[in-house]
């Protein structure tokens, strides 16, 4: 280890010092009193709402041009007849509810309040109230009108088609009409989804009933046996006999036929108890610190995604953008670093777990593993990832699009291209996600369930990982050198791509928007390399490579401990403390490196490029310090917090939570009938509740989807890798 520790240490120091030196310019500008920002008036939205929409109900009732358009409809149009009834106040439904549902533009426009949905529930509730009229209205429809940046919900008779409404508002300049349907569309995707999910539910029901019958039989048999033993032996209870019954129970289960074993894999109760089960004593071979790290990192992601999901529907958008200047808010919006945490953990576990698995072959002629071993190496990964991923795609493409219209929210349109997560999965669009190359398409944000680009990267790294594992098995230094070279190439690609394409110094959209309102903005945040630097595997290897090196270090941790024990106690404490401080500095620089830039202070293009090229190395080093120190017994209170047992159930379903969390967030957004007003307290309470709800829902869904297929792998393949 000592042969390669010095170059790595120097490289880490180099990465730490260079970005920090780039920020001295920001402090220099601060001390010299350079102007901080320009007036926000150039950026904020204007006040000139068209008069047509200022008094919308009155406009629709009294504007001559509006009713000229209605009269221009076909004389046999039901929409024409219904509007005549409404205007004459002879409608068979509650006219007051109909007109009261219309929006009235109010205050807060300069803060981003540009969406006025009105009261859709009143529109839907406006039903027949008279008799003797030939047309009845079961409900009415909400139409979403987009005039430049202003959004208005308009109530129309349900008989009006999209073409009718377009004709009515044809004199409004820049009109874009979106129709919100409320009917079930039983297309092929919906039928397939119902069949697949119905089959899974039936299997879970049958498996749970079979498991319940088995458990009741065991309980009755145990009670009978205990009664007989007590009658025969009195108070001298035979513990060995009880243990024998447990062995006999396991033997009976092992003799079950294969179909019954497969059915038992879908036992909901058994899967639920396994997920919630907490071991009495920790497994020394497992890195318990990763449990808390998984849950907290994904929680960080979900909190940020909640903010992004609500962003379009806030009535104080500008206020939220300005809040990104705040250092505490920077912690929230820079959740992108948490993705690198998962890359580090993934690389570490792949290297460490495979090296330990290959130890089984150390006494054989083929110490690098058999062909079957490496085939199972890949098969196990696919079995682990595909069920939850493909079933989520099926739900989004087939089921979700038919559930969404039944929500009354006028704020989100579920069947509009480029606005709907269902549309992105229609046809063959799901293939890029299902076969793990969504990060390589032109715009990954338009891919099916686009947030799973991480899975594509992880699989691609996993495919190439045996090269580094076999090198590590042969000689540790060769593997570290190869990994270091790939990290170096990744760094050069990021440096040149960022500098030549003038990519901004942050992956946070909020920081970029905040910087734009300060005036001059010299960076290109819409270019293709802004996306590639975030999604492409050749720009993301750094944290995964650091994780691979971390796996080697933990595999050789006994040597590291012996190396530390050479030093006197005082020197050992200083070394460990220095490593901890160095790690935390790296983490702080990564998360808050753009703080002054977000507040209006300039950064040169190549200084920004160097930050973009090294920020993931800094975060990878920070996470590696935590994991390595905790695994060698120097974690202290951090190890106690991250390794606490209450993280275990949520860590077991972490992958399912990641896959489904944004689907649940979008479903929540589709229940909103009015705009969301951001305040720190309200958002904190909402985010806390959403985190708990999503994690609990994930446990239930995992019992139906993920756990059964993991059990099937064990039954069919013996759980071997």
Foldseek 3Di string as FASTA:
>chain_A
DVVPPVVVVVVLVVLLPLLVVLCVLLVVCVVVVPDQFDDLPVPFDDDCDPPCQQQVLCNCQPPPLLVVLLVPDDPPQPLSVQVVCLSVVNFQWDSVLQSQQWFHDDDLRRLPQQETAGFLVSQQRGWGNDPPDPDTANGWFWKWKCAPPHITTHTGGNSADPVSVCSSCVVRPPIDIDGQDQDFDQDPLQVVLCVVLVVLVVLLVVLQVVVVVLVVVLVVVVVVVQVVQCVVPPPPHDVVVVVVSVVVSVVVVVPDDLVNLLSNLSNLVVLLCVLPDFDPDDDLLDLLLVLLLLLVLVLLVLLLLLCVLQLLQASRNNVLLQCCLPPVVLSNLQSLLSLLLVLLQLLQCLLQVVLVVLVVCPPPPDSLDDPVQVVVLLVVVCLQPQFLQVSLLSCQQHPVLRVLSNASAPSAHQPDPPRHLNVQSPDCLQVCVNVQNLLPDQALVSGRLSLCLSVSLSSVCSVPVSVLNVVCVVPVVVSLVVLVVLLVQLLVVLLCLQLVQQAALGLGPSLQVLLVSRPDDDGDPPDSVSSNCSRPNSNSCQLNSLSNNLNSCLSVVVVVVVVLVVDDPVVSVVVLVVLLVSLVSLVCCLSCVCSSSSSRRDRDRSSSSSSSSSNSNSSSSNSSSQSSCLSNPNNPVSVCVSSPRVSSSLSVLSSSLSSCLVVVSNVVVSNDHHGDYDDPVVSVVVSVVSSVVSSVVSSSVCSSTNSSSCSVCCSPVVNRD
